[in-house]
Amino acid sequence: MPHSPADKKKALTRVRRIKGQVDALERALDAGEPCLTILQQIAAIRGAANGLMGELLAMHLKDELVTGETTQEQRALRMADVDQLLKSYLK
């Protein structure tokens, strides 16, 4: 979860943009748009989701591992959690 109001606003803006793209995809499917149009919309959604993931991951790493007040052991445990998350995301 983004901690600063600016980071939270930025993340929510991205989520709302993705929601709009998904709504557009649904409309395109309902309207029987050509496959290429549908595939382009899916690619745009995937790119937007990947951008959101990258941005939130950077925020998390900064907040939890760089600027957070944690011990070396706590950072190692949190890094292991991030490692698992990235492995499941990249499957």
PDB file of N, CA and C in Angstrom:
ATOM      1  N   MET A   1       0.845  -1.181   0.000  1.00  0.00           N
ATOM      2  CA  MET A   1       0.000   0.000   0.000  1.00  0.00           C
ATOM      3  C   MET A   1       0.884   1.234   0.000  1.00  0.00           C
ATOM      4  N   PRO A   2       0.636   2.125  -0.944  1.00  0.00           N
ATOM      5  CA  PRO A   2       1.415   3.370  -0.939  1.00  0.00           C
ATOM      6  C   PRO A   2       1.176   4.149   0.351  1.00  0.00           C
ATOM      7  N   HIS A   3       2.242   4.670   0.938  1.00  0.00           N
ATOM      8  CA  HIS A   3       2.129   5.366   2.216  1.00  0.00           C
ATOM      9  C   HIS A   3       1.862   6.862   2.064  1.00  0.00           C
ATOM     10  N   SER A   4       2.468   7.479   1.092  1.00  0.00           N
ATOM     11  CA  SER A   4       2.269   8.925   0.953  1.00  0.00           C
ATOM     12  C   SER A   4       1.003   9.213   0.156  1.00  0.00           C
ATOM     13  N   PRO A   5       0.342  10.325   0.432  1.00  0.00           N
ATOM     14  CA  PRO A   5      -0.868  10.688  -0.327  1.00  0.00           C
ATOM     15  C   PRO A   5      -0.591  10.824  -1.826  1.00  0.00           C
ATOM     16  N   ALA A   6       0.567  11.327  -2.196  1.00  0.00           N
ATOM     17  CA  ALA A   6       0.899  11.484  -3.615  1.00  0.00           C
ATOM     18  C   ALA A   6       1.044  10.122  -4.297  1.00  0.00           C
ATOM     19  N   ASP A   7       1.715   9.179  -3.617  1.00  0.00           N
ATOM     20  CA  ASP A   7       1.870   7.840  -4.181  1.00  0.00           C
ATOM     21  C   ASP A   7       0.519   7.132  -4.298  1.00  0.00           C
ATOM     22  N   LYS A   8      -0.321   7.303  -3.285  1.00  0.00           N
ATOM     23  CA  LYS A   8      -1.640   6.683  -3.311  1.00  0.00           C
ATOM     24  C   LYS A   8      -2.468   7.248  -4.470  1.00  0.00           C
ATOM     25  N   LYS A   9      -2.412   8.549  -4.657  1.00  0.00           N
ATOM     26  CA  LYS A   9      -3.159   9.191  -5.742  1.00  0.00           C
ATOM     27  C   LYS A   9      -2.667   8.681  -7.095  1.00  0.00           C
ATOM     28  N   LYS A  10      -1.348   8.571  -7.249  1.00  0.00           N
ATOM     29  CA  LYS A  10      -0.771   8.096  -8.494  1.00  0.00           C
ATOM     30  C   LYS A  10      -1.214   6.657  -8.793  1.00  0.00           C
ATOM     31  N   ALA A  11      -1.197   5.801  -7.772  1.00  0.00           N
ATOM     32  CA  ALA A  11      -1.608   4.403  -7.956  1.00  0.00           C
ATOM     33  C   ALA A  11      -3.091   4.316  -8.310  1.00  0.00           C
ATOM     34  N   LEU A  12      -3.927   5.074  -7.611  1.00  0.00           N
ATOM     35  CA  LEU A  12      -5.360   5.047  -7.903  1.00  0.00           C
ATOM     36  C   LEU A  12      -5.665   5.567  -9.307  1.00  0.00           C
ATOM     37  N   THR A  13      -4.927   6.554  -9.756  1.00  0.00           N
ATOM     38  CA  THR A  13      -5.097   7.072 -11.114  1.00  0.00           C
ATOM     39  C   THR A  13      -4.795   5.979 -12.132  1.00  0.00           C
ATOM     40  N   ARG A  14      -3.729   5.235 -11.899  1.00  0.00           N
ATOM     41  CA  ARG A  14      -3.389   4.131 -12.800  1.00  0.00           C
ATOM     42  C   ARG A  14      -4.462   3.040 -12.777  1.00  0.00           C
ATOM     43  N   VAL A  15      -4.973   2.717 -11.595  1.00  0.00           N
ATOM     44  CA  VAL A  15      -6.014   1.685 -11.485  1.00  0.00           C
ATOM     45  C   VAL A  15      -7.269   2.121 -12.231  1.00  0.00           C
ATOM     46  N   ARG A  16      -7.631   3.373 -12.091  1.00  0.00           N
ATOM     47  CA  ARG A  16      -8.824   3.874 -12.787  1.00  0.00           C
ATOM     48  C   ARG A  16      -8.628   3.856 -14.300  1.00  0.00           C
ATOM     49  N   ARG A  17      -7.426   4.137 -14.755  1.00  0.00           N
ATOM     50  CA  ARG A  17      -7.130   4.073 -16.186  1.00  0.00           C
ATOM     51  C   ARG A  17      -7.272   2.632 -16.678  1.00  0.00           C
ATOM     52  N   ILE A  18      -6.759   1.683 -15.910  1.00  0.00           N
ATOM     53  CA  ILE A  18      -6.882   0.267 -16.275  1.00  0.00           C
ATOM     54  C   ILE A  18      -8.352  -0.135 -16.302  1.00  0.00           C
ATOM     55  N   LYS A  19      -9.112   0.317 -15.329  1.00  0.00           N
ATOM     56  CA  LYS A  19     -10.549   0.012 -15.295  1.00  0.00           C
ATOM     57  C   LYS A  19     -11.225   0.528 -16.563  1.00  0.00           C
ATOM     58  N   GLY A  20     -10.876   1.732 -16.998  1.00  0.00           N
ATOM     59  CA  GLY A  20     -11.430   2.284 -18.229  1.00  0.00           C
ATOM     60  C   GLY A  20     -11.061   1.441 -19.439  1.00  0.00           C
ATOM     61  N   GLN A  21      -9.819   0.940 -19.458  1.00  0.00           N
ATOM     62  CA  GLN A  21      -9.387   0.092 -20.555  1.00  0.00           C
ATOM     63  C   GLN A  21     -10.150  -1.235 -20.568  1.00  0.00           C
ATOM     64  N   VAL A  22     -10.399  -1.788 -19.395  1.00  0.00           N
ATOM     65  CA  VAL A  22     -11.152  -3.041 -19.313  1.00  0.00           C
ATOM     66  C   VAL A  22     -12.601  -2.813 -19.753  1.00  0.00           C
ATOM     67  N   ASP A  23     -13.176  -1.688 -19.355  1.00  0.00           N
ATOM     68  CA  ASP A  23     -14.530  -1.349 -19.809  1.00  0.00           C
ATOM     69  C   ASP A  23     -14.571  -1.216 -21.329  1.00  0.00           C
ATOM     70  N   ALA A  24     -13.558  -0.594 -21.909  1.00  0.00           N
ATOM     71  CA  ALA A  24     -13.485  -0.454 -23.367  1.00  0.00           C
ATOM     72  C   ALA A  24     -13.348  -1.815 -24.041  1.00  0.00           C
ATOM     73  N   LEU A  25     -12.607  -2.714 -23.421  1.00  0.00           N
ATOM     74  CA  LEU A  25     -12.469  -4.068 -23.948  1.00  0.00           C
ATOM     75  C   LEU A  25     -13.825  -4.779 -23.949  1.00  0.00           C
ATOM     76  N   GLU A  26     -14.547  -4.640 -22.864  1.00  0.00           N
ATOM     77  CA  GLU A  26     -15.869  -5.263 -22.781  1.00  0.00           C
ATOM     78  C   GLU A  26     -16.799  -4.708 -23.876  1.00  0.00           C
ATOM     79  N   ARG A  27     -16.775  -3.408 -24.059  1.00  0.00           N
ATOM     80  CA  ARG A  27     -17.613  -2.800 -25.104  1.00  0.00           C
ATOM     81  C   ARG A  27     -17.210  -3.297 -26.489  1.00  0.00           C
ATOM     82  N   ALA A  28     -15.911  -3.420 -26.715  1.00  0.00           N
ATOM     83  CA  ALA A  28     -15.430  -3.899 -28.011  1.00  0.00           C
ATOM     84  C   ALA A  28     -15.868  -5.339 -28.263  1.00  0.00           C
ATOM     85  N   LEU A  29     -15.811  -6.157 -27.235  1.00  0.00           N
ATOM     86  CA  LEU A  29     -16.267  -7.544 -27.382  1.00  0.00           C
ATOM     87  C   LEU A  29     -17.769  -7.596 -27.652  1.00  0.00           C
ATOM     88  N   ASP A  30     -18.533  -6.811 -26.911  1.00  0.00           N
ATOM     89  CA  ASP A  30     -19.985  -6.747 -27.117  1.00  0.00           C
ATOM     90  C   ASP A  30     -20.333  -6.291 -28.532  1.00  0.00           C
ATOM     91  N   ALA A  31     -19.555  -5.348 -29.041  1.00  0.00           N
ATOM     92  CA  ALA A  31     -19.845  -4.775 -30.361  1.00  0.00           C
ATOM     93  C   ALA A  31     -19.330  -5.647 -31.504  1.00  0.00           C
ATOM     94  N   GLY A  32     -18.598  -6.686 -31.171  1.00  0.00           N
ATOM     95  CA  GLY A  32     -18.074  -7.559 -32.216  1.00  0.00           C
ATOM     96  C   GLY A  32     -16.943  -6.940 -33.007  1.00  0.00           C
ATOM     97  N   GLU A  33     -16.137  -6.141 -32.334  1.00  0.00           N
ATOM     98  CA  GLU A  33     -14.990  -5.507 -32.997  1.00  0.00           C
ATOM     99  C   GLU A  33     -14.045  -6.582 -33.553  1.00  0.00           C
ATOM    100  N   PRO A  34     -13.230  -6.212 -34.537  1.00  0.00           N
ATOM    101  CA  PRO A  34     -12.275  -7.175 -35.110  1.00  0.00           C
ATOM    102  C   PRO A  34     -11.283  -7.678 -34.061  1.00  0.00           C
ATOM    103  N   CYS A  35     -10.803  -8.878 -34.300  1.00  0.00           N
ATOM    104  CA  CYS A  35      -9.870  -9.516 -33.351  1.00  0.00           C
ATOM    105  C   CYS A  35      -8.650  -8.647 -33.078  1.00  0.00           C
ATOM    106  N   LEU A  36      -8.113  -8.005 -34.106  1.00  0.00           N
ATOM    107  CA  LEU A  36      -6.921  -7.192 -33.910  1.00  0.00           C
ATOM    108  C   LEU A  36      -7.187  -6.048 -32.939  1.00  0.00           C
ATOM    109  N   THR A  37      -8.346  -5.443 -33.020  1.00  0.00           N
ATOM    110  CA  THR A  37      -8.717  -4.367 -32.095  1.00  0.00           C
ATOM    111  C   THR A  37      -8.782  -4.896 -30.665  1.00  0.00           C
ATOM    112  N   ILE A  38      -9.382  -6.068 -30.513  1.00  0.00           N
ATOM    113  CA  ILE A  38      -9.488  -6.704 -29.189  1.00  0.00           C
ATOM    114  C   ILE A  38      -8.097  -7.012 -28.644  1.00  0.00           C
ATOM    115  N   LEU A  39      -7.255  -7.593 -29.483  1.00  0.00           N
ATOM    116  CA  LEU A  39      -5.907  -7.957 -29.041  1.00  0.00           C
ATOM    117  C   LEU A  39      -5.079  -6.727 -28.674  1.00  0.00           C
ATOM    118  N   GLN A  40      -5.241  -5.648 -29.426  1.00  0.00           N
ATOM    119  CA  GLN A  40      -4.531  -4.409 -29.087  1.00  0.00           C
ATOM    120  C   GLN A  40      -4.980  -3.877 -27.733  1.00  0.00           C
ATOM    121  N   GLN A  41      -6.275  -3.970 -27.449  1.00  0.00           N
ATOM    122  CA  GLN A  41      -6.788  -3.498 -26.160  1.00  0.00           C
ATOM    123  C   GLN A  41      -6.250  -4.359 -25.015  1.00  0.00           C
ATOM    124  N   ILE A  42      -6.191  -5.661 -25.243  1.00  0.00           N
ATOM    125  CA  ILE A  42      -5.635  -6.563 -24.223  1.00  0.00           C
ATOM    126  C   ILE A  42      -4.161  -6.240 -23.978  1.00  0.00           C
ATOM    127  N   ALA A  43      -3.419  -5.981 -25.046  1.00  0.00           N
ATOM    128  CA  ALA A  43      -1.999  -5.623 -24.901  1.00  0.00           C
ATOM    129  C   ALA A  43      -1.848  -4.323 -24.110  1.00  0.00           C
ATOM    130  N   ALA A  44      -2.732  -3.361 -24.366  1.00  0.00           N
ATOM    131  CA  ALA A  44      -2.678  -2.093 -23.631  1.00  0.00           C
ATOM    132  C   ALA A  44      -2.972  -2.313 -22.149  1.00  0.00           C
ATOM    133  N   ILE A  45      -3.945  -3.157 -21.853  1.00  0.00           N
ATOM    134  CA  ILE A  45      -4.293  -3.456 -20.459  1.00  0.00           C
ATOM    135  C   ILE A  45      -3.118  -4.145 -19.767  1.00  0.00           C
ATOM    136  N   ARG A  46      -2.525  -5.091 -20.455  1.00  0.00           N
ATOM    137  CA  ARG A  46      -1.381  -5.800 -19.872  1.00  0.00           C
ATOM    138  C   ARG A  46      -0.230  -4.834 -19.593  1.00  0.00           C
ATOM    139  N   GLY A  47       0.043  -3.942 -20.531  1.00  0.00           N
ATOM    140  CA  GLY A  47       1.107  -2.956 -20.325  1.00  0.00           C
ATOM    141  C   GLY A  47       0.815  -2.044 -19.153  1.00  0.00           C
ATOM    142  N   ALA A  48      -0.442  -1.619 -19.034  1.00  0.00           N
ATOM    143  CA  ALA A  48      -0.826  -0.748 -17.925  1.00  0.00           C
ATOM    144  C   ALA A  48      -0.704  -1.480 -16.589  1.00  0.00           C
ATOM    145  N   ALA A  49      -1.114  -2.741 -16.557  1.00  0.00           N
ATOM    146  CA  ALA A  49      -1.006  -3.524 -15.322  1.00  0.00           C
ATOM    147  C   ALA A  49       0.466  -3.744 -14.950  1.00  0.00           C
ATOM    148  N   ASN A  50       1.296  -4.007 -15.946  1.00  0.00           N
ATOM    149  CA  ASN A  50       2.728  -4.173 -15.670  1.00  0.00           C
ATOM    150  C   ASN A  50       3.342  -2.874 -15.150  1.00  0.00           C
ATOM    151  N   GLY A  51       2.920  -1.750 -15.714  1.00  0.00           N
ATOM    152  CA  GLY A  51       3.407  -0.456 -15.231  1.00  0.00           C
ATOM    153  C   GLY A  51       2.999  -0.209 -13.791  1.00  0.00           C
ATOM    154  N   LEU A  52       1.757  -0.542 -13.465  1.00  0.00           N
ATOM    155  CA  LEU A  52       1.279  -0.398 -12.082  1.00  0.00           C
ATOM    156  C   LEU A  52       2.067  -1.300 -11.147  1.00  0.00           C
ATOM    157  N   MET A  53       2.294  -2.522 -11.571  1.00  0.00           N
ATOM    158  CA  MET A  53       3.059  -3.460 -10.746  1.00  0.00           C
ATOM    159  C   MET A  53       4.464  -2.920 -10.478  1.00  0.00           C
ATOM    160  N   GLY A  54       5.104  -2.430 -11.514  1.00  0.00           N
ATOM    161  CA  GLY A  54       6.454  -1.893 -11.359  1.00  0.00           C
ATOM    162  C   GLY A  54       6.491  -0.696 -10.433  1.00  0.00           C
ATOM    163  N   GLU A  55       5.520   0.192 -10.598  1.00  0.00           N
ATOM    164  CA  GLU A  55       5.477   1.393  -9.763  1.00  0.00           C
ATOM    165  C   GLU A  55       5.234   1.040  -8.290  1.00  0.00           C
ATOM    166  N   LEU A  56       4.276   0.153  -8.032  1.00  0.00           N
ATOM    167  CA  LEU A  56       3.992  -0.229  -6.652  1.00  0.00           C
ATOM    168  C   LEU A  56       5.133  -1.024  -6.040  1.00  0.00           C
ATOM    169  N   LEU A  57       5.786  -1.846  -6.839  1.00  0.00           N
ATOM    170  CA  LEU A  57       6.938  -2.590  -6.337  1.00  0.00           C
ATOM    171  C   LEU A  57       8.061  -1.632  -5.941  1.00  0.00           C
ATOM    172  N   ALA A  58       8.305  -0.628  -6.762  1.00  0.00           N
ATOM    173  CA  ALA A  58       9.333   0.358  -6.427  1.00  0.00           C
ATOM    174  C   ALA A  58       8.975   1.102  -5.150  1.00  0.00           C
ATOM    175  N   MET A  59       7.708   1.478  -4.998  1.00  0.00           N
ATOM    176  CA  MET A  59       7.265   2.152  -3.774  1.00  0.00           C
ATOM    177  C   MET A  59       7.483   1.247  -2.561  1.00  0.00           C
ATOM    178  N   HIS A  60       7.117  -0.017  -2.717  1.00  0.00           N
ATOM    179  CA  HIS A  60       7.245  -0.966  -1.614  1.00  0.00           C
ATOM    180  C   HIS A  60       8.712  -1.145  -1.217  1.00  0.00           C
ATOM    181  N   LEU A  61       9.546  -1.345  -2.214  1.00  0.00           N
ATOM    182  CA  LEU A  61      10.967  -1.534  -1.907  1.00  0.00           C
ATOM    183  C   LEU A  61      11.550  -0.313  -1.216  1.00  0.00           C
ATOM    184  N   LYS A  62      11.188   0.866  -1.686  1.00  0.00           N
ATOM    185  CA  LYS A  62      11.693   2.096  -1.063  1.00  0.00           C
ATOM    186  C   LYS A  62      11.177   2.215   0.371  1.00  0.00           C
ATOM    187  N   ASP A  63       9.870   2.018   0.554  1.00  0.00           N
ATOM    188  CA  ASP A  63       9.271   2.197   1.879  1.00  0.00           C
ATOM    189  C   ASP A  63       9.695   1.128   2.880  1.00  0.00           C
ATOM    190  N   GLU A  64       9.781  -0.104   2.425  1.00  0.00           N
ATOM    191  CA  GLU A  64      10.036  -1.205   3.348  1.00  0.00           C
ATOM    192  C   GLU A  64      11.504  -1.570   3.503  1.00  0.00           C
ATOM    193  N   LEU A  65      12.264  -1.414   2.452  1.00  0.00           N
ATOM    194  CA  LEU A  65      13.638  -1.899   2.495  1.00  0.00           C
ATOM    195  C   LEU A  65      14.689  -0.801   2.520  1.00  0.00           C
ATOM    196  N   VAL A  66      14.362   0.365   2.015  1.00  0.00           N
ATOM    197  CA  VAL A  66      15.363   1.426   1.930  1.00  0.00           C
ATOM    198  C   VAL A  66      15.185   2.439   3.046  1.00  0.00           C
ATOM    199  N   THR A  67      13.994   3.049   3.108  1.00  0.00           N
ATOM    200  CA  THR A  67      13.788   4.119   4.081  1.00  0.00           C
ATOM    201  C   THR A  67      13.150   3.644   5.374  1.00  0.00           C
ATOM    202  N   GLY A  68      12.603   2.437   5.390  1.00  0.00           N
ATOM    203  CA  GLY A  68      11.971   1.926   6.607  1.00  0.00           C
ATOM    204  C   GLY A  68      12.990   1.611   7.673  1.00  0.00           C
ATOM    205  N   GLU A  69      12.552   1.702   8.895  1.00  0.00           N
ATOM    206  CA  GLU A  69      13.446   1.392  10.013  1.00  0.00           C
ATOM    207  C   GLU A  69      13.296  -0.081  10.360  1.00  0.00           C
ATOM    208  N   THR A  70      14.150  -0.889   9.728  1.00  0.00           N
ATOM    209  CA  THR A  70      14.095  -2.331   9.933  1.00  0.00           C
ATOM    210  C   THR A  70      15.488  -2.861  10.196  1.00  0.00           C
ATOM    211  N   THR A  71      15.527  -4.021  10.796  1.00  0.00           N
ATOM    212  CA  THR A  71      16.809  -4.688  11.034  1.00  0.00           C
ATOM    213  C   THR A  71      17.222  -5.435   9.767  1.00  0.00           C
ATOM    214  N   GLN A  72      18.443  -5.858   9.750  1.00  0.00           N
ATOM    215  CA  GLN A  72      18.951  -6.640   8.618  1.00  0.00           C
ATOM    216  C   GLN A  72      18.116  -7.908   8.448  1.00  0.00           C
ATOM    217  N   GLU A  73      17.764  -8.548   9.541  1.00  0.00           N
ATOM    218  CA  GLU A  73      16.965  -9.779   9.487  1.00  0.00           C
ATOM    219  C   GLU A  73      15.567  -9.499   8.925  1.00  0.00           C
ATOM    220  N   GLN A  74      14.942  -8.413   9.351  1.00  0.00           N
ATOM    221  CA  GLN A  74      13.621  -8.062   8.834  1.00  0.00           C
ATOM    222  C   GLN A  74      13.680  -7.756   7.342  1.00  0.00           C
ATOM    223  N   ARG A  75      14.730  -7.056   6.911  1.00  0.00           N
ATOM    224  CA  ARG A  75      14.871  -6.758   5.482  1.00  0.00           C
ATOM    225  C   ARG A  75      15.048  -8.042   4.677  1.00  0.00           C
ATOM    226  N   ALA A  76      15.795  -8.981   5.212  1.00  0.00           N
ATOM    227  CA  ALA A  76      15.997 -10.253   4.508  1.00  0.00           C
ATOM    228  C   ALA A  76      14.679 -11.004   4.363  1.00  0.00           C
ATOM    229  N   LEU A  77      13.868 -11.013   5.414  1.00  0.00           N
ATOM    230  CA  LEU A  77      12.561 -11.674   5.344  1.00  0.00           C
ATOM    231  C   LEU A  77      11.645 -10.984   4.344  1.00  0.00           C
ATOM    232  N   ARG A  78      11.650  -9.663   4.358  1.00  0.00           N
ATOM    233  CA  ARG A  78      10.804  -8.912   3.419  1.00  0.00           C
ATOM    234  C   ARG A  78      11.280  -9.108   1.989  1.00  0.00           C
ATOM    235  N   MET A  79      12.570  -9.195   1.794  1.00  0.00           N
ATOM    236  CA  MET A  79      13.099  -9.432   0.459  1.00  0.00           C
ATOM    237  C   MET A  79      12.710 -10.821  -0.033  1.00  0.00           C
ATOM    238  N   ALA A  80      12.672 -11.790   0.863  1.00  0.00           N
ATOM    239  CA  ALA A  80      12.223 -13.132   0.488  1.00  0.00           C
ATOM    240  C   ALA A  80      10.756 -13.091   0.038  1.00  0.00           C
ATOM    241  N   ASP A  81       9.946 -12.293   0.714  1.00  0.00           N
ATOM    242  CA  ASP A  81       8.543 -12.133   0.309  1.00  0.00           C
ATOM    243  C   ASP A  81       8.448 -11.515  -1.084  1.00  0.00           C
ATOM    244  N   VAL A  82       9.258 -10.510  -1.336  1.00  0.00           N
ATOM    245  CA  VAL A  82       9.261  -9.861  -2.655  1.00  0.00           C
ATOM    246  C   VAL A  82       9.730 -10.853  -3.717  1.00  0.00           C
ATOM    247  N   ASP A  83      10.718 -11.655  -3.388  1.00  0.00           N
ATOM    248  CA  ASP A  83      11.217 -12.668  -4.317  1.00  0.00           C
ATOM    249  C   ASP A  83      10.100 -13.636  -4.704  1.00  0.00           C
ATOM    250  N   GLN A  84       9.337 -14.109  -3.731  1.00  0.00           N
ATOM    251  CA  GLN A  84       8.218 -15.022  -4.012  1.00  0.00           C
ATOM    252  C   GLN A  84       7.166 -14.345  -4.871  1.00  0.00           C
ATOM    253  N   LEU A  85       6.863 -13.104  -4.554  1.00  0.00           N
ATOM    254  CA  LEU A  85       5.882 -12.351  -5.325  1.00  0.00           C
ATOM    255  C   LEU A  85       6.308 -12.229  -6.782  1.00  0.00           C
ATOM    256  N   LEU A  86       7.560 -11.854  -6.996  1.00  0.00           N
ATOM    257  CA  LEU A  86       8.053 -11.692  -8.371  1.00  0.00           C
ATOM    258  C   LEU A  86       8.052 -13.021  -9.132  1.00  0.00           C
ATOM    259  N   LYS A  87       8.410 -14.092  -8.460  1.00  0.00           N
ATOM    260  CA  LYS A  87       8.388 -15.406  -9.116  1.00  0.00           C
ATOM    261  C   LYS A  87       6.971 -15.767  -9.559  1.00  0.00           C
ATOM    262  N   SER A  88       5.980 -15.515  -8.714  1.00  0.00           N
ATOM    263  CA  SER A  88       4.608 -15.848  -9.100  1.00  0.00           C
ATOM    264  C   SER A  88       4.101 -14.893 -10.181  1.00  0.00           C
ATOM    265  N   TYR A  89       4.503 -13.642 -10.138  1.00  0.00           N
ATOM    266  CA  TYR A  89       4.077 -12.665 -11.143  1.00  0.00           C
ATOM    267  C   TYR A  89       4.651 -12.966 -12.509  1.00  0.00           C
ATOM    268  N   LEU A  90       5.891 -13.419 -12.545  1.00  0.00           N
ATOM    269  CA  LEU A  90       6.568 -13.646 -13.812  1.00  0.00           C
ATOM    270  C   LEU A  90       6.303 -15.012 -14.417  1.00  0.00           C
ATOM    271  N   LYS A  91       5.517 -15.851 -13.785  1.00  0.00           N
ATOM    272  CA  LYS A  91       5.176 -17.160 -14.344  1.00  0.00           C
ATOM    273  C   LYS A  91       4.385 -17.011 -15.603  1.00  0.00           C
TER     274      LYS A  91
END
